[in-house]
PDB file of N, CA and C in Angstrom:
ATOM      1  N   MET A   1       0.850  -1.064  -0.414  1.00  0.00           N
ATOM      2  CA  MET A   1       0.252  -0.575  -0.154  1.00  0.00           C
ATOM      3  C   MET A   1       1.172   1.401   0.104  1.00  0.00           C
ATOM      4  N   ALA A   2       0.024   2.475  -0.939  1.00  0.00           N
ATOM      5  CA  ALA A   2       1.087   3.283  -0.870  1.00  0.00           C
ATOM      6  C   ALA A   2       0.954   3.990   0.387  1.00  0.00           C
ATOM      7  N   ARG A   3       2.513   4.255   0.562  1.00  0.00           N
ATOM      8  CA  ARG A   3       2.905   5.119   1.734  1.00  0.00           C
ATOM      9  C   ARG A   3       2.752   4.299   3.314  1.00  0.00           C
ATOM     10  N   CYS A   4       2.760   3.623   3.033  1.00  0.00           N
ATOM     11  CA  CYS A   4       2.242   2.892   4.597  1.00  0.00           C
ATOM     12  C   CYS A   4       3.363   2.252   5.218  1.00  0.00           C
ATOM     13  N   TRP A   5       3.978   2.253   6.130  1.00  0.00           N
ATOM     14  CA  TRP A   5       4.603   1.231   6.826  1.00  0.00           C
ATOM     15  C   TRP A   5       4.448   0.013   7.200  1.00  0.00           C
ATOM     16  N   THR A   6       5.648  -1.182   6.158  1.00  0.00           N
ATOM     17  CA  THR A   6       5.627  -1.971   6.706  1.00  0.00           C
ATOM     18  C   THR A   6       5.749  -2.358   8.106  1.00  0.00           C
ATOM     19  N   ALA A   7       5.592  -4.302   8.790  1.00  0.00           N
ATOM     20  CA  ALA A   7       5.465  -4.380   9.751  1.00  0.00           C
ATOM     21  C   ALA A   7       7.192  -4.152  10.054  1.00  0.00           C
ATOM     22  N   ARG A   8       8.152  -4.718   9.302  1.00  0.00           N
ATOM     23  CA  ARG A   8       9.215  -4.518  10.035  1.00  0.00           C
ATOM     24  C   ARG A   8       9.306  -3.040   9.627  1.00  0.00           C
ATOM     25  N   ALA A   9       9.463  -2.205   8.913  1.00  0.00           N
ATOM     26  CA  ALA A   9       9.648  -1.102   9.355  1.00  0.00           C
ATOM     27  C   ALA A   9       9.037  -0.115  10.705  1.00  0.00           C
ATOM     28  N   LEU A  10       8.409  -0.906  11.350  1.00  0.00           N
ATOM     29  CA  LEU A  10       7.958  -0.327  12.473  1.00  0.00           C
ATOM     30  C   LEU A  10       8.968  -0.360  13.424  1.00  0.00           C
ATOM     31  N   GLU A  11       9.769  -1.050  13.421  1.00  0.00           N
ATOM     32  CA  GLU A  11      10.740  -1.382  14.286  1.00  0.00           C
ATOM     33  C   GLU A  11      11.791  -0.488  14.225  1.00  0.00           C
ATOM     34  N   GLN A  12      11.924   0.861  13.282  1.00  0.00           N
ATOM     35  CA  GLN A  12      12.598   1.650  13.147  1.00  0.00           C
ATOM     36  C   GLN A  12      11.233   3.122  13.904  1.00  0.00           C
ATOM     37  N   SER A  13       9.890   2.762  13.882  1.00  0.00           N
ATOM     38  CA  SER A  13       9.290   3.791  14.980  1.00  0.00           C
ATOM     39  C   SER A  13       9.689   4.244  16.195  1.00  0.00           C
ATOM     40  N   ARG A  14       9.123   5.763  16.535  1.00  0.00           N
ATOM     41  CA  ARG A  14       9.355   5.953  17.221  1.00  0.00           C
ATOM     42  C   ARG A  14       8.357   5.639  18.245  1.00  0.00           C
ATOM     43  N   HIS A  15       7.743   5.915  19.415  1.00  0.00           N
ATOM     44  CA  HIS A  15       6.863   6.086  20.504  1.00  0.00           C
ATOM     45  C   HIS A  15       5.920   6.974  20.174  1.00  0.00           C
ATOM     46  N   GLY A  16       4.603   7.210  20.185  1.00  0.00           N
ATOM     47  CA  GLY A  16       4.218   8.491  19.573  1.00  0.00           C
ATOM     48  C   GLY A  16       3.848   8.943  18.041  1.00  0.00           C
ATOM     49  N   GLN A  17       4.518   8.037  17.735  1.00  0.00           N
ATOM     50  CA  GLN A  17       4.525   8.629  15.956  1.00  0.00           C
ATOM     51  C   GLN A  17       3.394   8.183  15.434  1.00  0.00           C
ATOM     52  N   PHE A  18       3.022   9.168  14.359  1.00  0.00           N
ATOM     53  CA  PHE A  18       1.574   8.867  13.457  1.00  0.00           C
ATOM     54  C   PHE A  18       1.736   7.862  12.289  1.00  0.00           C
ATOM     55  N   VAL A  19       1.874   6.640  11.722  1.00  0.00           N
ATOM     56  CA  VAL A  19       1.695   6.342  11.188  1.00  0.00           C
ATOM     57  C   VAL A  19       0.532   5.166  10.009  1.00  0.00           C
ATOM     58  N   ARG A  20       0.603   5.169   9.159  1.00  0.00           N
ATOM     59  CA  ARG A  20      -0.229   3.955   8.657  1.00  0.00           C
ATOM     60  C   ARG A  20       0.651   2.802   7.826  1.00  0.00           C
ATOM     61  N   VAL A  21      -0.604   2.473   8.359  1.00  0.00           N
ATOM     62  CA  VAL A  21      -0.032   0.799   7.782  1.00  0.00           C
ATOM     63  C   VAL A  21      -1.349  -0.258   7.380  1.00  0.00           C
ATOM     64  N   ALA A  22      -1.048  -1.294   6.878  1.00  0.00           N
ATOM     65  CA  ALA A  22      -2.091  -1.751   5.711  1.00  0.00           C
ATOM     66  C   ALA A  22      -1.818  -3.380   6.000  1.00  0.00           C
ATOM     67  N   GLY A  23      -2.728  -4.266   5.835  1.00  0.00           N
ATOM     68  CA  GLY A  23      -2.427  -5.586   6.000  1.00  0.00           C
ATOM     69  C   GLY A  23      -3.628  -6.690   5.836  1.00  0.00           C
ATOM     70  N   VAL A  24      -3.499  -7.968   5.820  1.00  0.00           N
ATOM     71  CA  VAL A  24      -4.614  -8.823   5.736  1.00  0.00           C
ATOM     72  C   VAL A  24      -4.789  -8.920   7.244  1.00  0.00           C
ATOM     73  N   VAL A  25      -6.162  -9.022   7.467  1.00  0.00           N
ATOM     74  CA  VAL A  25      -6.669  -9.391   8.989  1.00  0.00           C
ATOM     75  C   VAL A  25      -6.556 -10.852   9.309  1.00  0.00           C
ATOM     76  N   THR A  26      -5.553 -11.114  10.035  1.00  0.00           N
ATOM     77  CA  THR A  26      -5.392 -12.606  10.430  1.00  0.00           C
ATOM     78  C   THR A  26      -5.904 -12.964  11.765  1.00  0.00           C
ATOM     79  N   GLY A  27      -6.625 -12.132  12.597  1.00  0.00           N
ATOM     80  CA  GLY A  27      -6.793 -12.559  13.826  1.00  0.00           C
ATOM     81  C   GLY A  27      -7.532 -10.875  14.589  1.00  0.00           C
ATOM     82  N   ARG A  28      -8.943 -11.372  15.202  1.00  0.00           N
ATOM     83  CA  ARG A  28      -9.518 -10.693  15.712  1.00  0.00           C
ATOM     84  C   ARG A  28      -9.450 -10.861  17.602  1.00  0.00           C
ATOM     85  N   GLN A  29      -9.518  -9.872  18.629  1.00  0.00           N
ATOM     86  CA  GLN A  29      -9.640 -10.375  19.581  1.00  0.00           C
ATOM     87  C   GLN A  29     -10.811  -9.523  20.541  1.00  0.00           C
ATOM     88  N   ARG A  30     -11.318  -9.566  21.388  1.00  0.00           N
ATOM     89  CA  ARG A  30     -11.975  -8.938  22.793  1.00  0.00           C
ATOM     90  C   ARG A  30     -12.329  -9.659  23.647  1.00  0.00           C
ATOM     91  N   PRO A  31     -10.974  -9.864  24.036  1.00  0.00           N
ATOM     92  CA  PRO A  31     -11.271 -10.806  25.424  1.00  0.00           C
ATOM     93  C   PRO A  31     -12.249  -9.813  26.580  1.00  0.00           C
ATOM     94  N   GLY A  32     -12.904 -10.525  27.307  1.00  0.00           N
ATOM     95  CA  GLY A  32     -13.523  -9.825  27.939  1.00  0.00           C
ATOM     96  C   GLY A  32     -12.928  -9.417  28.989  1.00  0.00           C
ATOM     97  N   THR A  33     -12.173  -9.555  29.737  1.00  0.00           N
ATOM     98  CA  THR A  33     -11.066  -8.425  30.892  1.00  0.00           C
ATOM     99  C   THR A  33     -10.637  -6.919  29.657  1.00  0.00           C
ATOM    100  N   ALA A  34     -10.987  -6.652  28.617  1.00  0.00           N
ATOM    101  CA  ALA A  34     -10.348  -6.118  27.839  1.00  0.00           C
ATOM    102  C   ALA A  34     -11.402  -4.625  27.905  1.00  0.00           C
ATOM    103  N   THR A  35     -12.611  -4.944  28.718  1.00  0.00           N
ATOM    104  CA  THR A  35     -13.656  -3.397  28.543  1.00  0.00           C
ATOM    105  C   THR A  35     -13.411  -3.133  27.259  1.00  0.00           C
ATOM    106  N   GLY A  36     -13.850  -3.099  26.225  1.00  0.00           N
ATOM    107  CA  GLY A  36     -14.428  -3.241  25.033  1.00  0.00           C
ATOM    108  C   GLY A  36     -13.382  -3.300  24.076  1.00  0.00           C
ATOM    109  N   VAL A  37     -12.202  -3.074  24.228  1.00  0.00           N
ATOM    110  CA  VAL A  37     -11.472  -3.029  23.635  1.00  0.00           C
ATOM    111  C   VAL A  37     -10.642  -4.268  22.484  1.00  0.00           C
ATOM    112  N   LEU A  38     -10.597  -4.184  21.216  1.00  0.00           N
ATOM    113  CA  LEU A  38     -10.491  -4.717  20.410  1.00  0.00           C
ATOM    114  C   LEU A  38      -9.313  -4.852  19.459  1.00  0.00           C
ATOM    115  N   PHE A  39      -8.505  -6.105  19.264  1.00  0.00           N
ATOM    116  CA  PHE A  39      -7.150  -6.378  18.984  1.00  0.00           C
ATOM    117  C   PHE A  39      -7.180  -7.145  17.494  1.00  0.00           C
ATOM    118  N   VAL A  40      -6.901  -6.564  16.494  1.00  0.00           N
ATOM    119  CA  VAL A  40      -6.521  -7.003  15.696  1.00  0.00           C
ATOM    120  C   VAL A  40      -5.139  -7.179  15.018  1.00  0.00           C
ATOM    121  N   THR A  41      -5.007  -8.105  14.494  1.00  0.00           N
ATOM    122  CA  THR A  41      -3.709  -8.466  13.634  1.00  0.00           C
ATOM    123  C   THR A  41      -3.619  -8.352  12.358  1.00  0.00           C
ATOM    124  N   LEU A  42      -2.784  -7.748  11.618  1.00  0.00           N
ATOM    125  CA  LEU A  42      -2.753  -7.484  10.017  1.00  0.00           C
ATOM    126  C   LEU A  42      -1.627  -8.308   9.842  1.00  0.00           C
ATOM    127  N   GLU A  43      -1.214  -8.616   8.417  1.00  0.00           N
ATOM    128  CA  GLU A  43      -0.405  -9.895   8.020  1.00  0.00           C
ATOM    129  C   GLU A  43       0.055  -8.516   6.609  1.00  0.00           C
ATOM    130  N   ASP A  44       1.032  -8.099   6.882  1.00  0.00           N
ATOM    131  CA  ASP A  44       1.897  -7.621   5.468  1.00  0.00           C
ATOM    132  C   ASP A  44       2.842  -8.669   4.790  1.00  0.00           C
ATOM    133  N   GLU A  45       3.899  -8.442   3.901  1.00  0.00           N
ATOM    134  CA  GLU A  45       4.526  -9.228   3.452  1.00  0.00           C
ATOM    135  C   GLU A  45       6.269  -9.191   4.346  1.00  0.00           C
ATOM    136  N   THR A  46       5.759  -8.161   4.983  1.00  0.00           N
ATOM    137  CA  THR A  46       7.277  -8.264   6.047  1.00  0.00           C
ATOM    138  C   THR A  46       6.675  -9.179   7.486  1.00  0.00           C
ATOM    139  N   GLY A  47       5.573  -9.490   7.707  1.00  0.00           N
ATOM    140  CA  GLY A  47       5.130  -9.957   9.238  1.00  0.00           C
ATOM    141  C   GLY A  47       4.037  -9.526   9.598  1.00  0.00           C
ATOM    142  N   ASN A  48       3.325  -9.637  11.075  1.00  0.00           N
ATOM    143  CA  ASN A  48       2.409  -8.893  11.748  1.00  0.00           C
ATOM    144  C   ASN A  48       2.810  -7.325  12.472  1.00  0.00           C
ATOM    145  N   VAL A  49       1.084  -6.954  12.146  1.00  0.00           N
ATOM    146  CA  VAL A  49       1.463  -5.501  12.612  1.00  0.00           C
ATOM    147  C   VAL A  49       0.565  -5.615  13.852  1.00  0.00           C
ATOM    148  N   ASN A  50       0.520  -5.306  15.173  1.00  0.00           N
ATOM    149  CA  ASN A  50      -0.563  -5.556  16.737  1.00  0.00           C
ATOM    150  C   ASN A  50      -1.544  -4.051  16.033  1.00  0.00           C
ATOM    151  N   VAL A  51      -2.593  -4.184  16.511  1.00  0.00           N
ATOM    152  CA  VAL A  51      -3.325  -3.170  16.489  1.00  0.00           C
ATOM    153  C   VAL A  51      -4.300  -3.144  17.987  1.00  0.00           C
ATOM    154  N   VAL A  52      -4.650  -1.912  18.391  1.00  0.00           N
ATOM    155  CA  VAL A  52      -4.967  -1.309  19.435  1.00  0.00           C
ATOM    156  C   VAL A  52      -5.955  -0.898  19.394  1.00  0.00           C
ATOM    157  N   VAL A  53      -7.547  -1.234  19.376  1.00  0.00           N
ATOM    158  CA  VAL A  53      -8.838  -0.437  19.095  1.00  0.00           C
ATOM    159  C   VAL A  53      -9.821   0.144  19.718  1.00  0.00           C
ATOM    160  N   TRP A  54     -10.010   1.338  20.386  1.00  0.00           N
ATOM    161  CA  TRP A  54     -10.443   1.624  21.899  1.00  0.00           C
ATOM    162  C   TRP A  54     -11.595   1.283  21.285  1.00  0.00           C
ATOM    163  N   ALA A  55     -12.916   1.767  22.331  1.00  0.00           N
ATOM    164  CA  ALA A  55     -14.252   1.082  21.842  1.00  0.00           C
ATOM    165  C   ALA A  55     -14.607   2.599  21.228  1.00  0.00           C
ATOM    166  N   SER A  56     -14.034   3.314  21.252  1.00  0.00           N
ATOM    167  CA  SER A  56     -15.017   4.950  20.698  1.00  0.00           C
ATOM    168  C   SER A  56     -14.524   4.232  19.134  1.00  0.00           C
ATOM    169  N   VAL A  57     -13.253   4.233  18.883  1.00  0.00           N
ATOM    170  CA  VAL A  57     -12.985   4.171  17.212  1.00  0.00           C
ATOM    171  C   VAL A  57     -13.403   2.893  16.697  1.00  0.00           C
ATOM    172  N   LEU A  58     -14.003   1.800  17.904  1.00  0.00           N
ATOM    173  CA  LEU A  58     -14.666   0.706  17.100  1.00  0.00           C
ATOM    174  C   LEU A  58     -15.812   1.007  16.920  1.00  0.00           C
ATOM    175  N   GLU A  59     -16.719   2.098  17.977  1.00  0.00           N
ATOM    176  CA  GLU A  59     -18.189   2.443  17.751  1.00  0.00           C
ATOM    177  C   GLU A  59     -18.298   3.213  16.268  1.00  0.00           C
ATOM    178  N   ARG A  60     -17.269   3.607  16.075  1.00  0.00           N
ATOM    179  CA  ARG A  60     -17.213   4.947  14.066  1.00  0.00           C
ATOM    180  C   ARG A  60     -16.732   3.772  13.603  1.00  0.00           C
ATOM    181  N   PHE A  61     -15.769   3.079  13.003  1.00  0.00           N
ATOM    182  CA  PHE A  61     -15.411   1.696  12.347  1.00  0.00           C
ATOM    183  C   PHE A  61     -16.272   0.742  12.547  1.00  0.00           C
ATOM    184  N   ARG A  62     -17.260   0.418  13.273  1.00  0.00           N
ATOM    185  CA  ARG A  62     -17.351  -1.104  13.146  1.00  0.00           C
ATOM    186  C   ARG A  62     -17.524  -1.680  12.200  1.00  0.00           C
ATOM    187  N   ALA A  63     -18.369  -1.635  10.980  1.00  0.00           N
ATOM    188  CA  ALA A  63     -18.420  -2.800  10.171  1.00  0.00           C
ATOM    189  C   ALA A  63     -17.044  -2.743   8.911  1.00  0.00           C
ATOM    190  N   PRO A  64     -16.005  -2.224   9.014  1.00  0.00           N
ATOM    191  CA  PRO A  64     -14.924  -2.353   8.628  1.00  0.00           C
ATOM    192  C   PRO A  64     -14.184  -3.213   9.812  1.00  0.00           C
ATOM    193  N   LEU A  65     -13.923  -2.460  10.775  1.00  0.00           N
ATOM    194  CA  LEU A  65     -13.081  -3.616  11.768  1.00  0.00           C
ATOM    195  C   LEU A  65     -13.757  -4.829  11.872  1.00  0.00           C
ATOM    196  N   LEU A  66     -14.840  -5.029  11.626  1.00  0.00           N
ATOM    197  CA  LEU A  66     -15.611  -6.911  12.057  1.00  0.00           C
ATOM    198  C   LEU A  66     -16.012  -7.525  10.947  1.00  0.00           C
ATOM    199  N   GLN A  67     -15.876  -6.556   9.612  1.00  0.00           N
ATOM    200  CA  GLN A  67     -15.820  -7.594   8.680  1.00  0.00           C
ATOM    201  C   GLN A  67     -14.676  -7.455   7.594  1.00  0.00           C
ATOM    202  N   GLY A  68     -13.932  -6.191   7.754  1.00  0.00           N
ATOM    203  CA  GLY A  68     -13.248  -6.348   6.573  1.00  0.00           C
ATOM    204  C   GLY A  68     -12.156  -7.386   6.574  1.00  0.00           C
ATOM    205  N   ARG A  69     -11.739  -7.776   5.664  1.00  0.00           N
ATOM    206  CA  ARG A  69     -10.394  -8.709   5.342  1.00  0.00           C
ATOM    207  C   ARG A  69      -9.252  -8.261   4.940  1.00  0.00           C
ATOM    208  N   LEU A  70      -9.381  -6.727   4.516  1.00  0.00           N
ATOM    209  CA  LEU A  70      -8.092  -5.984   3.938  1.00  0.00           C
ATOM    210  C   LEU A  70      -8.110  -4.549   4.553  1.00  0.00           C
ATOM    211  N   LEU A  71      -7.499  -4.255   5.971  1.00  0.00           N
ATOM    212  CA  LEU A  71      -7.824  -2.769   6.362  1.00  0.00           C
ATOM    213  C   LEU A  71      -6.258  -2.189   6.157  1.00  0.00           C
ATOM    214  N   ARG A  72      -6.296  -0.609   6.016  1.00  0.00           N
ATOM    215  CA  ARG A  72      -5.552  -0.117   5.889  1.00  0.00           C
ATOM    216  C   ARG A  72      -5.672   0.853   7.373  1.00  0.00           C
ATOM    217  N   ILE A  73      -4.601   1.305   8.534  1.00  0.00           N
ATOM    218  CA  ILE A  73      -5.022   1.873   9.548  1.00  0.00           C
ATOM    219  C   ILE A  73      -4.572   3.149   9.570  1.00  0.00           C
ATOM    220  N   ARG A  74      -4.805   4.520  10.179  1.00  0.00           N
ATOM    221  CA  ARG A  74      -4.014   5.269  10.850  1.00  0.00           C
ATOM    222  C   ARG A  74      -4.268   5.771  11.757  1.00  0.00           C
ATOM    223  N   GLY A  75      -2.498   5.806  12.864  1.00  0.00           N
ATOM    224  CA  GLY A  75      -2.735   5.505  14.581  1.00  0.00           C
ATOM    225  C   GLY A  75      -1.630   5.975  14.830  1.00  0.00           C
ATOM    226  N   VAL A  76      -1.134   5.817  15.869  1.00  0.00           N
ATOM    227  CA  VAL A  76      -0.614   6.259  16.674  1.00  0.00           C
ATOM    228  C   VAL A  76       0.596   4.608  17.098  1.00  0.00           C
ATOM    229  N   VAL A  77       1.971   5.156  17.220  1.00  0.00           N
ATOM    230  CA  VAL A  77       2.978   4.021  17.447  1.00  0.00           C
ATOM    231  C   VAL A  77       2.802   3.334  18.830  1.00  0.00           C
ATOM    232  N   GLU A  78       2.680   2.797  19.911  1.00  0.00           N
ATOM    233  CA  GLU A  78       2.691   2.623  21.076  1.00  0.00           C
ATOM    234  C   GLU A  78       4.019   1.809  20.944  1.00  0.00           C
ATOM    235  N   ARG A  79       4.703   1.743  21.755  1.00  0.00           N
ATOM    236  CA  ARG A  79       5.818   0.936  22.004  1.00  0.00           C
ATOM    237  C   ARG A  79       6.750   0.672  23.399  1.00  0.00           C
ATOM    238  N   GLU A  80       7.407   0.008  23.972  1.00  0.00           N
ATOM    239  CA  GLU A  80       7.627  -0.545  24.885  1.00  0.00           C
ATOM    240  C   GLU A  80       8.405  -1.177  24.793  1.00  0.00           C
ATOM    241  N   ARG A  81      10.381  -0.677  24.109  1.00  0.00           N
ATOM    242  CA  ARG A  81      10.944  -2.136  24.121  1.00  0.00           C
ATOM    243  C   ARG A  81      10.632  -2.255  22.775  1.00  0.00           C
ATOM    244  N   GLU A  82      10.521  -3.688  22.940  1.00  0.00           N
ATOM    245  CA  GLU A  82      10.954  -4.705  21.566  1.00  0.00           C
ATOM    246  C   GLU A  82       9.254  -5.193  21.180  1.00  0.00           C
ATOM    247  N   VAL A  83       8.404  -4.292  21.990  1.00  0.00           N
ATOM    248  CA  VAL A  83       6.631  -4.357  21.668  1.00  0.00           C
ATOM    249  C   VAL A  83       6.231  -3.091  21.009  1.00  0.00           C
ATOM    250  N   ILE A  84       5.752  -3.437  20.041  1.00  0.00           N
ATOM    251  CA  ILE A  84       5.780  -2.231  19.361  1.00  0.00           C
ATOM    252  C   ILE A  84       3.181  -2.936  18.688  1.00  0.00           C
ATOM    253  N   HIS A  85       3.099  -1.977  19.271  1.00  0.00           N
ATOM    254  CA  HIS A  85       1.437  -2.100  18.907  1.00  0.00           C
ATOM    255  C   HIS A  85       0.901  -0.461  17.807  1.00  0.00           C
ATOM    256  N   VAL A  86       0.032  -0.390  17.414  1.00  0.00           N
ATOM    257  CA  VAL A  86      -0.510   1.049  16.520  1.00  0.00           C
ATOM    258  C   VAL A  86      -1.439   0.707  16.765  1.00  0.00           C
ATOM    259  N   VAL A  87      -2.148   1.974  18.086  1.00  0.00           N
ATOM    260  CA  VAL A  87      -3.267   2.219  18.137  1.00  0.00           C
ATOM    261  C   VAL A  87      -4.026   3.160  17.286  1.00  0.00           C
ATOM    262  N   ALA A  88      -4.976   2.332  16.281  1.00  0.00           N
ATOM    263  CA  ALA A  88      -6.257   2.847  15.500  1.00  0.00           C
ATOM    264  C   ALA A  88      -6.534   4.133  15.693  1.00  0.00           C
ATOM    265  N   GLY A  89      -6.779   5.362  14.767  1.00  0.00           N
ATOM    266  CA  GLY A  89      -7.750   6.463  14.868  1.00  0.00           C
ATOM    267  C   GLY A  89      -8.613   6.331  13.639  1.00  0.00           C
ATOM    268  N   HIS A  90      -7.973   5.930  12.691  1.00  0.00           N
ATOM    269  CA  HIS A  90      -9.018   5.545  11.202  1.00  0.00           C
ATOM    270  C   HIS A  90      -8.741   4.432  11.087  1.00  0.00           C
ATOM    271  N   VAL A  91      -9.822   3.955  10.157  1.00  0.00           N
ATOM    272  CA  VAL A  91      -9.724   2.467   9.793  1.00  0.00           C
ATOM    273  C   VAL A  91     -10.416   2.592   8.079  1.00  0.00           C
ATOM    274  N   GLU A  92      -9.945   2.113   7.090  1.00  0.00           N
ATOM    275  CA  GLU A  92     -10.624   2.018   6.110  1.00  0.00           C
ATOM    276  C   GLU A  92     -10.556   0.351   5.868  1.00  0.00           C
ATOM    277  N   ASP A  93     -11.823   0.140   4.846  1.00  0.00           N
ATOM    278  CA  ASP A  93     -11.711  -1.274   4.626  1.00  0.00           C
ATOM    279  C   ASP A  93     -11.453  -1.572   3.173  1.00  0.00           C
ATOM    280  N   LEU A  94     -10.306  -1.779   2.495  1.00  0.00           N
ATOM    281  CA  LEU A  94      -9.794  -1.993   1.398  1.00  0.00           C
ATOM    282  C   LEU A  94     -10.339  -3.686   0.817  1.00  0.00           C
ATOM    283  N   THR A  95     -11.088  -4.650   1.375  1.00  0.00           N
ATOM    284  CA  THR A  95     -11.426  -5.508   1.133  1.00  0.00           C
ATOM    285  C   THR A  95     -11.423  -5.854  -0.802  1.00  0.00           C
ATOM    286  N   GLY A  96     -12.014  -4.732  -0.794  1.00  0.00           N
ATOM    287  CA  GLY A  96     -12.520  -4.669  -2.430  1.00  0.00           C
ATOM    288  C   GLY A  96     -11.263  -5.245  -3.652  1.00  0.00           C
ATOM    289  N   LEU A  97     -10.026  -4.559  -2.928  1.00  0.00           N
ATOM    290  CA  LEU A  97      -8.657  -4.734  -3.558  1.00  0.00           C
ATOM    291  C   LEU A  97      -8.268  -6.416  -3.933  1.00  0.00           C
ATOM    292  N   LEU A  98      -8.894  -6.996  -2.639  1.00  0.00           N
ATOM    293  CA  LEU A  98      -8.372  -8.515  -3.089  1.00  0.00           C
ATOM    294  C   LEU A  98      -8.829  -9.013  -4.184  1.00  0.00           C
ATOM    295  N   GLY A  99      -9.635  -8.762  -4.394  1.00  0.00           N
ATOM    296  CA  GLY A  99     -10.615  -9.822  -5.893  1.00  0.00           C
ATOM    297  C   GLY A  99     -10.775 -11.235  -5.080  1.00  0.00           C
ATOM    298  N   ARG A 100     -11.085 -12.116  -5.982  1.00  0.00           N
ATOM    299  CA  ARG A 100     -11.181 -13.365  -5.505  1.00  0.00           C
ATOM    300  C   ARG A 100     -10.106 -14.093  -6.448  1.00  0.00           C
ATOM    301  N   LEU A 101      -8.692 -14.432  -4.976  1.00  0.00           N
ATOM    302  CA  LEU A 101      -7.295 -14.764  -5.653  1.00  0.00           C
ATOM    303  C   LEU A 101      -7.305 -16.293  -5.692  1.00  0.00           C
ATOM    304  N   ASP A 102      -8.527 -17.200  -5.229  1.00  0.00           N
ATOM    305  CA  ASP A 102      -8.064 -18.432  -5.440  1.00  0.00           C
ATOM    306  C   ASP A 102      -8.573 -19.181  -7.041  1.00  0.00           C
ATOM    307  N   GLY A 103      -9.435 -18.570  -7.899  1.00  0.00           N
ATOM    308  CA  GLY A 103      -9.291 -18.715  -9.217  1.00  0.00           C
ATOM    309  C   GLY A 103     -10.529 -19.922  -9.988  1.00  0.00           C
ATOM    310  N   ASN A 104     -10.283 -20.405  -8.510  1.00  0.00           N
ATOM    311  CA  ASN A 104     -11.335 -22.263  -9.025  1.00  0.00           C
ATOM    312  C   ASN A 104     -13.001 -21.665  -8.836  1.00  0.00           C
ATOM    313  N   GLY A 105     -13.475 -20.564  -8.097  1.00  0.00           N
ATOM    314  CA  GLY A 105     -15.415 -20.374  -7.985  1.00  0.00           C
ATOM    315  C   GLY A 105     -15.934 -20.715  -6.709  1.00  0.00           C
ATOM    316  N   THR A 106     -14.652 -21.583  -5.984  1.00  0.00           N
ATOM    317  CA  THR A 106     -15.237 -22.293  -4.494  1.00  0.00           C
ATOM    318  C   THR A 106     -15.691 -21.173  -3.706  1.00  0.00           C
ATOM    319  N   ASP A 107     -16.119 -21.516  -2.860  1.00  0.00           N
ATOM    320  CA  ASP A 107     -16.213 -20.488  -1.292  1.00  0.00           C
ATOM    321  C   ASP A 107     -14.773 -20.309  -0.332  1.00  0.00           C
ATOM    322  N   THR A 108     -14.179 -20.819  -0.719  1.00  0.00           N
ATOM    323  CA  THR A 108     -12.692 -20.951  -0.014  1.00  0.00           C
ATOM    324  C   THR A 108     -12.180 -19.680   0.155  1.00  0.00           C
ATOM    325  N   ASP A 109     -11.681 -19.285   1.067  1.00  0.00           N
ATOM    326  CA  ASP A 109     -11.124 -17.943   1.482  1.00  0.00           C
ATOM    327  C   ASP A 109     -10.134 -18.134   2.170  1.00  0.00           C
ATOM    328  N   PRO A 110      -8.877 -17.580   1.317  1.00  0.00           N
ATOM    329  CA  PRO A 110      -7.700 -17.668   2.414  1.00  0.00           C
ATOM    330  C   PRO A 110      -7.267 -17.103   3.085  1.00  0.00           C
ATOM    331  N   PHE A 111      -8.330 -15.523   3.260  1.00  0.00           N
ATOM    332  CA  PHE A 111      -7.991 -13.905   3.484  1.00  0.00           C
ATOM    333  C   PHE A 111      -9.403 -14.333   4.942  1.00  0.00           C
ATOM    334  N   ARG A 112      -9.906 -15.362   5.196  1.00  0.00           N
ATOM    335  CA  ARG A 112     -10.820 -15.381   6.181  1.00  0.00           C
ATOM    336  C   ARG A 112      -9.931 -15.193   8.034  1.00  0.00           C
ATOM    337  N   SER A 113     -10.234 -14.086   8.310  1.00  0.00           N
ATOM    338  CA  SER A 113      -9.452 -14.153   9.948  1.00  0.00           C
ATOM    339  C   SER A 113     -10.137 -14.938  10.621  1.00  0.00           C
ATOM    340  N   ARG A 114      -9.448 -15.330  11.743  1.00  0.00           N
ATOM    341  CA  ARG A 114      -9.826 -16.331  13.006  1.00  0.00           C
ATOM    342  C   ARG A 114      -9.578 -15.195  13.949  1.00  0.00           C
ATOM    343  N   ASP A 115     -11.255 -15.146  14.299  1.00  0.00           N
ATOM    344  CA  ASP A 115     -11.697 -14.066  15.557  1.00  0.00           C
ATOM    345  C   ASP A 115     -12.079 -15.208  16.628  1.00  0.00           C
ATOM    346  N   PHE A 116     -11.548 -14.355  17.821  1.00  0.00           N
ATOM    347  CA  PHE A 116     -11.608 -14.722  18.702  1.00  0.00           C
ATOM    348  C   PHE A 116     -12.721 -14.108  19.906  1.00  0.00           C
ATOM    349  N   HIS A 117     -13.554 -14.567  20.480  1.00  0.00           N
ATOM    350  CA  HIS A 117     -14.290 -13.392  21.348  1.00  0.00           C
ATOM    351  C   HIS A 117     -14.384 -14.142  22.743  1.00  0.00           C
TER     352      HIS A 117
END
């Protein structure tokens, strides 16, 4: 995605830096102990990006966050040593760019996320 940070490039980011990341959704988690927070894992060509979505952002971008398979996120880097998260502020659903990649007409979806609630 144009002008998006890759998972690998985030290793060079600074705490508090504004970034844009994009990737295929590989997982969503909403633990009961997280008081409305959604954790999303995106995968790009270089690795995984961990995204934290606070309840207010989830309310605003509910459909793309819960249904999208390819997302672009604008947010702020939160890091403590080697642990890096992007705290989402804006979410775009780019699923339409995926097309049907399996090519055999089946309903098999290699980009379906594994959602844990």
